[in-house]
Structure formats: structure tokens, C-alpha cells
Amino acid sequence: MWFNHSMKPDLFTHILFDWGDTLMYDDPSQSAPMADWPKVQSVPDADKVLAHLKAAGKTVCLATSANVSDEAQIRAALTRTGLEQFISQVFCFKNTGLPKGEAFYRKVLGSLKVSPAQALMVGDSFEKDVLAANAAGVAAIWFNERTPEQRSSARCLTVHSMSELLAWFSTSAYGQ
């Protein structure tokens, strides 16, 4: 089982999500901002996870390295799938000036005025969403829909679907 006993969902007040291939599917054949794509699609059960977190009083933010879209375009794409209502803040290359890495996460934490221990990053890139977040002191969940591979440590665990992520978030007292 992917559950890591040193990471407890109720410890985190701010949940950061990657955008492409975490909350919404990326289409590498598209070069325009996602808001302008003919079709956009959210990852199955992403809305359920975000609704659960919002009901639990968590602050949900988007932390993406997307560099084609600005915040307004990102929110427009999220609106097309109904996810925008759950996102309190968007952090992207265009409004931080930083690619995803340790400095990016430190800037996000500073903007949110939270300590690394209060934040949790969820994303599909092990390097950018897990290792870089961990380097900034932020725990992370590797959202790996593509393979059965699992990685875990004191600051990382793996889920393979949004339903697994929802089950993990539901293990805390607020999810009962």
C-alpha cells in the first residue's frame, strides 16, 4: 500500500496541485494556451478531490510550470471543466518569473505566508513536483497515472489515481 504513516493529511493547510496531467490532461500537440484548445478535459475525480479539500477548509492552489498561459488563461481553462471554483491562487511562470524548482516553491510559500510543513504538493513530475518541492521542505505526492511504479519516503508518497488521492485525504479526522 502506498500509505505513508509519517505524512498525515490533516497536517497540511495548503494543498498545491500541478496543472497539466495532474488536474487537467495536457495535449502536447497543442501550442496555444489551454483555454483556447477545442477540447479540454479534467483528470477523472479531480473535482471530487478538490471539493473534499474545500469542504475540509483547506486552501487549494495551482502551482504550475506552464509558460504559455498566464493566470487569466489558466483560470479560463479551469472554468471550462468546473475546477476553477476550487482554486484560490494560481502560481505559474508568468506571475512568478520562475520555472518549477526550489526557488519557485519558496516564492509560493512566501506569497502564501506558510511554512513548508503546512504545504503539500501534488503533481505528475517526480523531478519538478516531488524532488523540487522536497528540496524546499514541502512534502509531496507523486501522481503517477502512467505506471505501477511507487516511490515513497518521509516526505513523499505515490498515488495512481484521483480516487486513491481522495482515499488518502479521507484518512484524516476531517474526512471522517
N, C-alpha and C. Protein backbone atom coordinates (compact mmCIF):
# COMPACT_ATOMS: atom_id res chain seq x y z
N MET A 1 0.84 -1.19 0.00
CA MET A 1 0.00 0.00 0.00
C MET A 1 0.88 1.24 0.00
N TRP A 2 0.45 2.27 -0.64
CA TRP A 2 1.22 3.50 -0.80
C TRP A 2 1.16 4.40 0.41
N PHE A 3 0.32 4.08 1.40
CA PHE A 3 0.15 4.97 2.55
C PHE A 3 1.45 5.12 3.33
N ASN A 4 1.76 6.34 3.66
CA ASN A 4 2.99 6.66 4.40
C ASN A 4 2.56 7.24 5.74
N HIS A 5 2.89 6.56 6.83
CA HIS A 5 2.42 6.98 8.15
C HIS A 5 3.05 8.27 8.65
N SER A 6 4.16 8.70 8.07
CA SER A 6 4.77 9.95 8.52
C SER A 6 4.12 11.17 7.86
N MET A 7 3.33 10.97 6.83
CA MET A 7 2.60 12.06 6.17
C MET A 7 1.12 11.90 6.52
N LYS A 8 0.61 12.80 7.31
CA LYS A 8 -0.79 12.74 7.71
C LYS A 8 -1.54 13.90 7.04
N PRO A 9 -2.63 13.61 6.34
CA PRO A 9 -3.34 14.63 5.58
C PRO A 9 -3.77 15.85 6.40
N ASP A 10 -4.14 15.64 7.64
CA ASP A 10 -4.66 16.75 8.43
C ASP A 10 -3.58 17.74 8.86
N LEU A 11 -2.31 17.44 8.64
CA LEU A 11 -1.22 18.35 8.99
C LEU A 11 -1.09 19.51 8.01
N PHE A 12 -1.62 19.33 6.80
CA PHE A 12 -1.43 20.31 5.73
C PHE A 12 -2.60 21.27 5.62
N THR A 13 -2.31 22.56 5.58
CA THR A 13 -3.35 23.58 5.43
C THR A 13 -3.47 24.07 4.00
N HIS A 14 -2.40 23.92 3.22
CA HIS A 14 -2.35 24.40 1.85
C HIS A 14 -1.94 23.27 0.92
N ILE A 15 -2.80 22.96 -0.03
CA ILE A 15 -2.54 21.88 -0.97
C ILE A 15 -2.28 22.51 -2.34
N LEU A 16 -1.11 22.23 -2.89
CA LEU A 16 -0.70 22.76 -4.18
C LEU A 16 -0.84 21.65 -5.22
N PHE A 17 -1.47 21.96 -6.33
CA PHE A 17 -1.63 20.99 -7.41
C PHE A 17 -0.93 21.48 -8.66
N ASP A 18 -0.28 20.55 -9.35
CA ASP A 18 0.21 20.81 -10.69
C ASP A 18 -1.03 20.86 -11.60
N TRP A 19 -0.87 21.45 -12.75
CA TRP A 19 -1.99 21.61 -13.67
C TRP A 19 -2.02 20.51 -14.73
N GLY A 20 -1.07 20.53 -15.66
CA GLY A 20 -1.06 19.59 -16.77
C GLY A 20 -0.76 18.17 -16.34
N ASP A 21 -1.65 17.27 -16.71
CA ASP A 21 -1.56 15.84 -16.41
C ASP A 21 -1.65 15.53 -14.92
N THR A 22 -2.15 16.49 -14.16
CA THR A 22 -2.48 16.25 -12.76
C THR A 22 -3.95 16.60 -12.55
N LEU A 23 -4.32 17.87 -12.74
CA LEU A 23 -5.74 18.26 -12.65
C LEU A 23 -6.44 18.18 -14.01
N MET A 24 -5.72 18.55 -15.06
CA MET A 24 -6.28 18.52 -16.41
C MET A 24 -5.29 17.85 -17.34
N TYR A 25 -5.81 17.15 -18.34
CA TYR A 25 -4.92 16.47 -19.28
C TYR A 25 -4.28 17.46 -20.23
N ASP A 26 -2.98 17.27 -20.41
CA ASP A 26 -2.20 18.08 -21.34
C ASP A 26 -2.29 17.43 -22.73
N ASP A 27 -2.26 18.25 -23.76
CA ASP A 27 -2.24 17.76 -25.13
C ASP A 27 -0.99 18.32 -25.78
N PRO A 28 0.07 17.51 -25.89
CA PRO A 28 1.34 18.01 -26.43
C PRO A 28 1.25 18.51 -27.87
N SER A 29 0.18 18.16 -28.59
CA SER A 29 0.05 18.62 -29.96
C SER A 29 -0.44 20.08 -30.03
N GLN A 30 -0.88 20.62 -28.91
CA GLN A 30 -1.38 21.99 -28.86
C GLN A 30 -0.25 22.95 -28.45
N SER A 31 -0.17 24.08 -29.11
CA SER A 31 0.85 25.08 -28.74
C SER A 31 0.22 26.36 -28.20
N ALA A 32 -1.09 26.50 -28.35
CA ALA A 32 -1.80 27.68 -27.84
C ALA A 32 -2.10 27.49 -26.35
N PRO A 33 -2.48 28.56 -25.64
CA PRO A 33 -2.91 28.40 -24.26
C PRO A 33 -4.08 27.40 -24.16
N MET A 34 -4.10 26.61 -23.11
CA MET A 34 -5.13 25.58 -22.95
C MET A 34 -6.54 26.16 -23.04
N ALA A 35 -6.73 27.37 -22.58
CA ALA A 35 -8.06 28.00 -22.63
C ALA A 35 -8.59 28.08 -24.06
N ASP A 36 -7.70 28.09 -25.04
CA ASP A 36 -8.09 28.20 -26.45
C ASP A 36 -8.17 26.86 -27.17
N TRP A 37 -7.89 25.77 -26.49
CA TRP A 37 -7.95 24.46 -27.14
C TRP A 37 -9.41 24.13 -27.47
N PRO A 38 -9.63 23.38 -28.55
CA PRO A 38 -11.01 22.99 -28.88
C PRO A 38 -11.64 22.11 -27.80
N LYS A 39 -10.81 21.28 -27.16
CA LYS A 39 -11.32 20.37 -26.12
C LYS A 39 -10.37 20.38 -24.94
N VAL A 40 -10.92 20.52 -23.74
CA VAL A 40 -10.13 20.37 -22.52
C VAL A 40 -10.81 19.31 -21.65
N GLN A 41 -10.02 18.63 -20.84
CA GLN A 41 -10.57 17.55 -20.03
C GLN A 41 -9.87 17.49 -18.69
N SER A 42 -10.65 17.41 -17.64
CA SER A 42 -10.06 17.24 -16.31
C SER A 42 -9.77 15.76 -16.08
N VAL A 43 -8.83 15.51 -15.19
CA VAL A 43 -8.49 14.15 -14.79
C VAL A 43 -9.68 13.59 -14.00
N PRO A 44 -10.08 12.33 -14.25
CA PRO A 44 -11.23 11.77 -13.52
C PRO A 44 -11.10 11.93 -12.01
N ASP A 45 -12.18 12.38 -11.41
CA ASP A 45 -12.32 12.57 -9.96
C ASP A 45 -11.52 13.73 -9.39
N ALA A 46 -10.90 14.54 -10.24
CA ALA A 46 -10.20 15.74 -9.74
C ALA A 46 -11.19 16.65 -9.02
N ASP A 47 -12.38 16.78 -9.57
CA ASP A 47 -13.39 17.63 -8.95
C ASP A 47 -13.79 17.12 -7.56
N LYS A 48 -13.85 15.81 -7.38
CA LYS A 48 -14.20 15.23 -6.08
C LYS A 48 -13.12 15.51 -5.04
N VAL A 49 -11.87 15.39 -5.45
CA VAL A 49 -10.75 15.66 -4.53
C VAL A 49 -10.78 17.13 -4.12
N LEU A 50 -10.91 18.03 -5.10
CA LEU A 50 -10.91 19.46 -4.80
C LEU A 50 -12.10 19.86 -3.94
N ALA A 51 -13.27 19.29 -4.23
CA ALA A 51 -14.46 19.58 -3.41
C ALA A 51 -14.26 19.11 -1.98
N HIS A 52 -13.66 17.94 -1.81
CA HIS A 52 -13.38 17.40 -0.46
C HIS A 52 -12.46 18.34 0.31
N LEU A 53 -11.40 18.79 -0.36
CA LEU A 53 -10.44 19.67 0.29
C LEU A 53 -11.07 21.01 0.66
N LYS A 54 -11.89 21.54 -0.24
CA LYS A 54 -12.56 22.82 0.04
C LYS A 54 -13.51 22.65 1.24
N ALA A 55 -14.27 21.56 1.26
CA ALA A 55 -15.19 21.31 2.38
C ALA A 55 -14.44 21.14 3.69
N ALA A 56 -13.20 20.66 3.62
CA ALA A 56 -12.37 20.47 4.81
C ALA A 56 -11.68 21.76 5.25
N GLY A 57 -11.89 22.84 4.51
CA GLY A 57 -11.30 24.12 4.88
C GLY A 57 -9.86 24.30 4.44
N LYS A 58 -9.41 23.46 3.52
CA LYS A 58 -8.04 23.57 3.01
C LYS A 58 -7.96 24.67 1.96
N THR A 59 -6.81 25.30 1.85
CA THR A 59 -6.55 26.26 0.78
C THR A 59 -5.93 25.48 -0.37
N VAL A 60 -6.57 25.53 -1.53
CA VAL A 60 -6.11 24.79 -2.69
C VAL A 60 -5.57 25.79 -3.71
N CYS A 61 -4.34 25.56 -4.15
CA CYS A 61 -3.69 26.44 -5.12
C CYS A 61 -3.16 25.62 -6.28
N LEU A 62 -2.98 26.29 -7.39
CA LEU A 62 -2.36 25.69 -8.55
C LEU A 62 -0.91 26.15 -8.60
N ALA A 63 0.01 25.21 -8.76
CA ALA A 63 1.44 25.51 -8.87
C ALA A 63 1.94 24.81 -10.12
N THR A 64 2.06 25.58 -11.20
CA THR A 64 2.38 25.00 -12.50
C THR A 64 3.60 25.66 -13.13
N SER A 65 4.32 24.89 -13.91
CA SER A 65 5.45 25.45 -14.65
C SER A 65 5.03 25.83 -16.06
N ALA A 66 3.73 25.77 -16.34
CA ALA A 66 3.25 26.16 -17.67
C ALA A 66 3.72 27.57 -17.98
N ASN A 67 4.29 27.75 -19.17
CA ASN A 67 4.80 29.07 -19.51
C ASN A 67 4.10 29.71 -20.70
N VAL A 68 3.12 29.03 -21.29
CA VAL A 68 2.36 29.59 -22.41
C VAL A 68 1.17 30.39 -21.88
N SER A 69 0.54 29.92 -20.81
CA SER A 69 -0.67 30.54 -20.28
C SER A 69 -0.36 31.44 -19.10
N ASP A 70 -1.07 32.57 -19.03
CA ASP A 70 -0.99 33.41 -17.84
C ASP A 70 -2.11 33.01 -16.89
N GLU A 71 -2.19 33.67 -15.76
CA GLU A 71 -3.18 33.26 -14.74
C GLU A 71 -4.61 33.33 -15.27
N ALA A 72 -4.96 34.37 -16.00
CA ALA A 72 -6.32 34.50 -16.53
C ALA A 72 -6.64 33.36 -17.50
N GLN A 73 -5.68 33.00 -18.33
CA GLN A 73 -5.90 31.90 -19.28
C GLN A 73 -6.00 30.56 -18.56
N ILE A 74 -5.20 30.38 -17.52
CA ILE A 74 -5.28 29.15 -16.73
C ILE A 74 -6.65 29.05 -16.07
N ARG A 75 -7.10 30.15 -15.48
CA ARG A 75 -8.42 30.14 -14.83
C ARG A 75 -9.53 29.90 -15.86
N ALA A 76 -9.39 30.43 -17.06
CA ALA A 76 -10.39 30.20 -18.11
C ALA A 76 -10.46 28.72 -18.49
N ALA A 77 -9.31 28.07 -18.59
CA ALA A 77 -9.28 26.63 -18.88
C ALA A 77 -9.90 25.83 -17.74
N LEU A 78 -9.55 26.19 -16.51
CA LEU A 78 -10.13 25.51 -15.34
C LEU A 78 -11.64 25.68 -15.30
N THR A 79 -12.13 26.86 -15.67
CA THR A 79 -13.56 27.14 -15.68
C THR A 79 -14.29 26.21 -16.65
N ARG A 80 -13.67 25.91 -17.76
CA ARG A 80 -14.29 25.03 -18.75
C ARG A 80 -14.55 23.63 -18.21
N THR A 81 -13.85 23.23 -17.18
CA THR A 81 -14.05 21.90 -16.59
C THR A 81 -14.72 21.97 -15.21
N GLY A 82 -15.01 23.17 -14.73
CA GLY A 82 -15.64 23.32 -13.42
C GLY A 82 -14.68 23.30 -12.25
N LEU A 83 -13.38 23.29 -12.51
CA LEU A 83 -12.40 23.20 -11.42
C LEU A 83 -12.00 24.56 -10.85
N GLU A 84 -12.23 25.63 -11.59
CA GLU A 84 -11.77 26.96 -11.16
C GLU A 84 -12.32 27.36 -9.80
N GLN A 85 -13.55 26.97 -9.51
CA GLN A 85 -14.20 27.35 -8.25
C GLN A 85 -13.45 26.88 -7.00
N PHE A 86 -12.58 25.89 -7.16
CA PHE A 86 -11.86 25.33 -6.02
C PHE A 86 -10.48 25.93 -5.81
N ILE A 87 -9.97 26.67 -6.78
CA ILE A 87 -8.59 27.15 -6.76
C ILE A 87 -8.54 28.58 -6.22
N SER A 88 -7.86 28.76 -5.09
CA SER A 88 -7.79 30.11 -4.50
C SER A 88 -6.71 30.96 -5.15
N GLN A 89 -5.57 30.37 -5.48
CA GLN A 89 -4.49 31.13 -6.11
C GLN A 89 -3.81 30.29 -7.17
N VAL A 90 -3.29 30.99 -8.19
CA VAL A 90 -2.57 30.33 -9.26
C VAL A 90 -1.14 30.86 -9.27
N PHE A 91 -0.18 29.94 -9.24
CA PHE A 91 1.23 30.29 -9.35
C PHE A 91 1.76 29.64 -10.62
N CYS A 92 2.25 30.46 -11.54
CA CYS A 92 2.75 29.97 -12.81
C CYS A 92 4.01 30.75 -13.19
N PHE A 93 4.64 30.35 -14.27
CA PHE A 93 5.86 31.03 -14.69
C PHE A 93 5.59 32.51 -14.96
N LYS A 94 4.44 32.80 -15.58
CA LYS A 94 4.17 34.20 -15.97
C LYS A 94 3.96 35.12 -14.78
N ASN A 95 3.52 34.61 -13.63
CA ASN A 95 3.33 35.51 -12.48
C ASN A 95 4.39 35.34 -11.38
N THR A 96 5.25 34.34 -11.52
CA THR A 96 6.35 34.20 -10.55
C THR A 96 7.70 34.54 -11.20
N GLY A 97 7.78 34.38 -12.51
CA GLY A 97 9.04 34.59 -13.20
C GLY A 97 10.02 33.45 -12.99
N LEU A 98 9.54 32.35 -12.43
CA LEU A 98 10.42 31.23 -12.09
C LEU A 98 9.90 29.92 -12.67
N PRO A 99 10.80 29.08 -13.16
CA PRO A 99 10.40 27.72 -13.52
C PRO A 99 10.24 26.93 -12.22
N LYS A 100 9.56 25.79 -12.30
CA LYS A 100 9.38 24.98 -11.11
C LYS A 100 10.71 24.44 -10.62
N GLY A 101 11.03 24.76 -9.41
CA GLY A 101 12.26 24.34 -8.75
C GLY A 101 12.18 24.82 -7.32
N GLU A 102 13.24 24.65 -6.59
CA GLU A 102 13.24 25.03 -5.17
C GLU A 102 12.88 26.50 -4.99
N ALA A 103 13.42 27.40 -5.81
CA ALA A 103 13.13 28.84 -5.69
C ALA A 103 11.66 29.13 -5.96
N PHE A 104 11.07 28.42 -6.91
CA PHE A 104 9.64 28.56 -7.22
C PHE A 104 8.81 28.24 -5.97
N TYR A 105 9.09 27.09 -5.34
CA TYR A 105 8.32 26.70 -4.16
C TYR A 105 8.53 27.66 -2.99
N ARG A 106 9.74 28.16 -2.84
CA ARG A 106 9.99 29.14 -1.77
C ARG A 106 9.19 30.42 -2.02
N LYS A 107 9.09 30.84 -3.28
CA LYS A 107 8.30 32.02 -3.63
C LYS A 107 6.82 31.78 -3.34
N VAL A 108 6.32 30.60 -3.70
CA VAL A 108 4.92 30.25 -3.43
C VAL A 108 4.66 30.28 -1.92
N LEU A 109 5.52 29.66 -1.14
CA LEU A 109 5.36 29.64 0.32
C LEU A 109 5.35 31.06 0.88
N GLY A 110 6.27 31.90 0.39
CA GLY A 110 6.32 33.29 0.84
C GLY A 110 5.05 34.05 0.49
N SER A 111 4.54 33.84 -0.70
CA SER A 111 3.30 34.51 -1.11
C SER A 111 2.12 34.06 -0.26
N LEU A 112 2.10 32.78 0.08
CA LEU A 112 1.01 32.23 0.90
C LEU A 112 1.21 32.50 2.39
N LYS A 113 2.43 32.91 2.77
CA LYS A 113 2.78 33.15 4.17
C LYS A 113 2.56 31.89 5.02
N VAL A 114 3.09 30.77 4.51
CA VAL A 114 3.01 29.50 5.22
C VAL A 114 4.39 28.86 5.29
N SER A 115 4.58 28.02 6.28
CA SER A 115 5.83 27.28 6.40
C SER A 115 5.78 26.07 5.47
N PRO A 116 6.94 25.53 5.11
CA PRO A 116 6.95 24.33 4.27
C PRO A 116 6.15 23.18 4.88
N ALA A 117 6.13 23.07 6.20
CA ALA A 117 5.42 21.97 6.86
C ALA A 117 3.91 22.05 6.68
N GLN A 118 3.39 23.23 6.32
CA GLN A 118 1.95 23.40 6.14
C GLN A 118 1.49 23.10 4.72
N ALA A 119 2.43 22.94 3.80
CA ALA A 119 2.08 22.77 2.39
C ALA A 119 2.35 21.35 1.90
N LEU A 120 1.55 20.95 0.94
CA LEU A 120 1.69 19.65 0.29
C LEU A 120 1.54 19.87 -1.20
N MET A 121 2.47 19.34 -1.99
CA MET A 121 2.42 19.45 -3.45
C MET A 121 1.98 18.13 -4.04
N VAL A 122 1.07 18.19 -5.03
CA VAL A 122 0.59 17.01 -5.75
C VAL A 122 0.87 17.23 -7.23
N GLY A 123 1.64 16.34 -7.84
CA GLY A 123 1.92 16.51 -9.26
C GLY A 123 2.49 15.27 -9.92
N ASP A 124 2.48 15.28 -11.25
CA ASP A 124 2.87 14.11 -12.03
C ASP A 124 4.35 14.03 -12.36
N SER A 125 5.10 15.11 -12.18
CA SER A 125 6.54 15.08 -12.47
C SER A 125 7.31 14.80 -11.19
N PHE A 126 7.99 13.66 -11.16
CA PHE A 126 8.73 13.32 -9.95
C PHE A 126 9.81 14.36 -9.68
N GLU A 127 10.47 14.84 -10.73
CA GLU A 127 11.55 15.81 -10.55
C GLU A 127 11.02 17.18 -10.12
N LYS A 128 10.06 17.72 -10.87
CA LYS A 128 9.58 19.09 -10.62
C LYS A 128 8.57 19.20 -9.48
N ASP A 129 7.75 18.16 -9.30
CA ASP A 129 6.68 18.24 -8.31
C ASP A 129 7.03 17.59 -6.98
N VAL A 130 7.93 16.62 -7.01
CA VAL A 130 8.31 15.93 -5.78
C VAL A 130 9.69 16.37 -5.31
N LEU A 131 10.71 16.11 -6.10
CA LEU A 131 12.07 16.41 -5.66
C LEU A 131 12.29 17.91 -5.42
N ALA A 132 11.80 18.76 -6.32
CA ALA A 132 11.98 20.21 -6.14
C ALA A 132 11.19 20.70 -4.93
N ALA A 133 9.97 20.20 -4.74
CA ALA A 133 9.18 20.58 -3.58
C ALA A 133 9.87 20.12 -2.30
N ASN A 134 10.34 18.87 -2.29
CA ASN A 134 11.05 18.34 -1.12
C ASN A 134 12.28 19.17 -0.80
N ALA A 135 13.00 19.64 -1.83
CA ALA A 135 14.20 20.46 -1.61
C ALA A 135 13.85 21.77 -0.89
N ALA A 136 12.61 22.23 -1.10
CA ALA A 136 12.15 23.45 -0.41
C ALA A 136 11.49 23.12 0.93
N GLY A 137 11.50 21.85 1.33
CA GLY A 137 10.92 21.44 2.60
C GLY A 137 9.45 21.08 2.54
N VAL A 138 8.89 21.01 1.33
CA VAL A 138 7.47 20.73 1.13
C VAL A 138 7.28 19.24 0.86
N ALA A 139 6.37 18.61 1.57
CA ALA A 139 6.02 17.21 1.31
C ALA A 139 5.30 17.14 -0.04
N ALA A 140 5.34 15.97 -0.66
CA ALA A 140 4.76 15.85 -1.99
C ALA A 140 4.12 14.49 -2.21
N ILE A 141 3.15 14.50 -3.11
CA ILE A 141 2.53 13.26 -3.57
C ILE A 141 2.78 13.17 -5.07
N TRP A 142 3.39 12.06 -5.48
CA TRP A 142 3.63 11.82 -6.89
C TRP A 142 2.37 11.22 -7.48
N PHE A 143 1.72 11.94 -8.38
CA PHE A 143 0.51 11.48 -9.06
C PHE A 143 0.95 10.76 -10.33
N ASN A 144 1.03 9.45 -10.25
CA ASN A 144 1.59 8.64 -11.34
C ASN A 144 0.51 7.76 -11.94
N GLU A 145 -0.20 8.29 -12.92
CA GLU A 145 -1.23 7.52 -13.62
C GLU A 145 -0.63 6.58 -14.67
N ARG A 146 0.60 6.80 -15.07
CA ARG A 146 1.17 6.13 -16.24
C ARG A 146 1.75 4.74 -15.97
N THR A 147 2.28 4.53 -14.77
CA THR A 147 2.94 3.25 -14.48
C THR A 147 2.54 2.76 -13.10
N PRO A 148 2.78 1.50 -12.80
CA PRO A 148 2.51 0.99 -11.45
C PRO A 148 3.62 1.33 -10.44
N GLU A 149 4.67 2.01 -10.92
CA GLU A 149 5.79 2.34 -10.05
C GLU A 149 5.34 3.15 -8.84
N GLN A 150 5.92 2.83 -7.70
CA GLN A 150 5.63 3.57 -6.47
C GLN A 150 6.94 4.03 -5.85
N ARG A 151 6.93 5.26 -5.36
CA ARG A 151 8.07 5.79 -4.62
C ARG A 151 7.52 6.41 -3.35
N SER A 152 8.23 6.19 -2.26
CA SER A 152 7.80 6.81 -1.01
C SER A 152 9.02 7.09 -0.15
N SER A 153 8.85 8.07 0.70
CA SER A 153 9.89 8.44 1.67
C SER A 153 9.17 9.18 2.79
N ALA A 154 9.92 9.75 3.69
CA ALA A 154 9.30 10.52 4.78
C ALA A 154 8.56 11.74 4.25
N ARG A 155 8.91 12.24 3.07
CA ARG A 155 8.30 13.45 2.51
C ARG A 155 7.61 13.21 1.18
N CYS A 156 7.35 11.95 0.82
CA CYS A 156 6.76 11.65 -0.49
C CYS A 156 5.99 10.34 -0.43
N LEU A 157 4.88 10.31 -1.15
CA LEU A 157 4.18 9.06 -1.39
C LEU A 157 3.62 9.10 -2.80
N THR A 158 3.15 7.97 -3.27
CA THR A 158 2.66 7.83 -4.64
C THR A 158 1.19 7.45 -4.64
N VAL A 159 0.43 8.06 -5.55
CA VAL A 159 -0.93 7.62 -5.85
C VAL A 159 -1.02 7.45 -7.36
N HIS A 160 -1.93 6.57 -7.78
CA HIS A 160 -2.07 6.29 -9.21
C HIS A 160 -3.39 6.80 -9.79
N SER A 161 -4.21 7.41 -8.97
CA SER A 161 -5.48 7.96 -9.45
C SER A 161 -5.98 9.00 -8.45
N MET A 162 -6.90 9.81 -8.91
CA MET A 162 -7.51 10.78 -8.00
C MET A 162 -8.35 10.08 -6.95
N SER A 163 -8.92 8.93 -7.27
CA SER A 163 -9.69 8.20 -6.26
C SER A 163 -8.78 7.72 -5.13
N GLU A 164 -7.54 7.31 -5.45
CA GLU A 164 -6.58 6.94 -4.40
C GLU A 164 -6.21 8.17 -3.56
N LEU A 165 -6.05 9.31 -4.24
CA LEU A 165 -5.72 10.54 -3.52
C LEU A 165 -6.86 10.92 -2.58
N LEU A 166 -8.08 10.82 -3.05
CA LEU A 166 -9.24 11.13 -2.21
C LEU A 166 -9.29 10.19 -1.01
N ALA A 167 -9.01 8.92 -1.22
CA ALA A 167 -9.00 7.97 -0.10
C ALA A 167 -7.94 8.36 0.93
N TRP A 168 -6.77 8.80 0.46
CA TRP A 168 -5.72 9.22 1.39
C TRP A 168 -6.15 10.46 2.17
N PHE A 169 -6.68 11.46 1.50
CA PHE A 169 -7.15 12.65 2.20
C PHE A 169 -8.28 12.31 3.18
N SER A 170 -9.05 11.30 2.88
CA SER A 170 -10.17 10.90 3.74
C SER A 170 -9.73 10.13 4.98
N THR A 171 -8.45 9.80 5.09
CA THR A 171 -7.97 9.05 6.27
C THR A 171 -7.82 9.94 7.49
N SER A 172 -7.89 11.25 7.32
CA SER A 172 -7.73 12.15 8.47
C SER A 172 -9.05 12.36 9.18
N ALA A 173 -8.97 12.99 10.33
CA ALA A 173 -10.17 13.23 11.15
C ALA A 173 -11.19 14.07 10.40
N TYR A 174 -10.76 15.05 9.61
CA TYR A 174 -11.74 15.91 8.92
C TYR A 174 -12.44 15.15 7.81
N GLY A 175 -11.90 14.04 7.36
CA GLY A 175 -12.51 13.29 6.28
C GLY A 175 -13.48 12.23 6.75
N GLN A 176 -13.61 12.08 8.03
CA GLN A 176 -14.47 11.02 8.58
C GLN A 176 -15.92 11.46 8.64
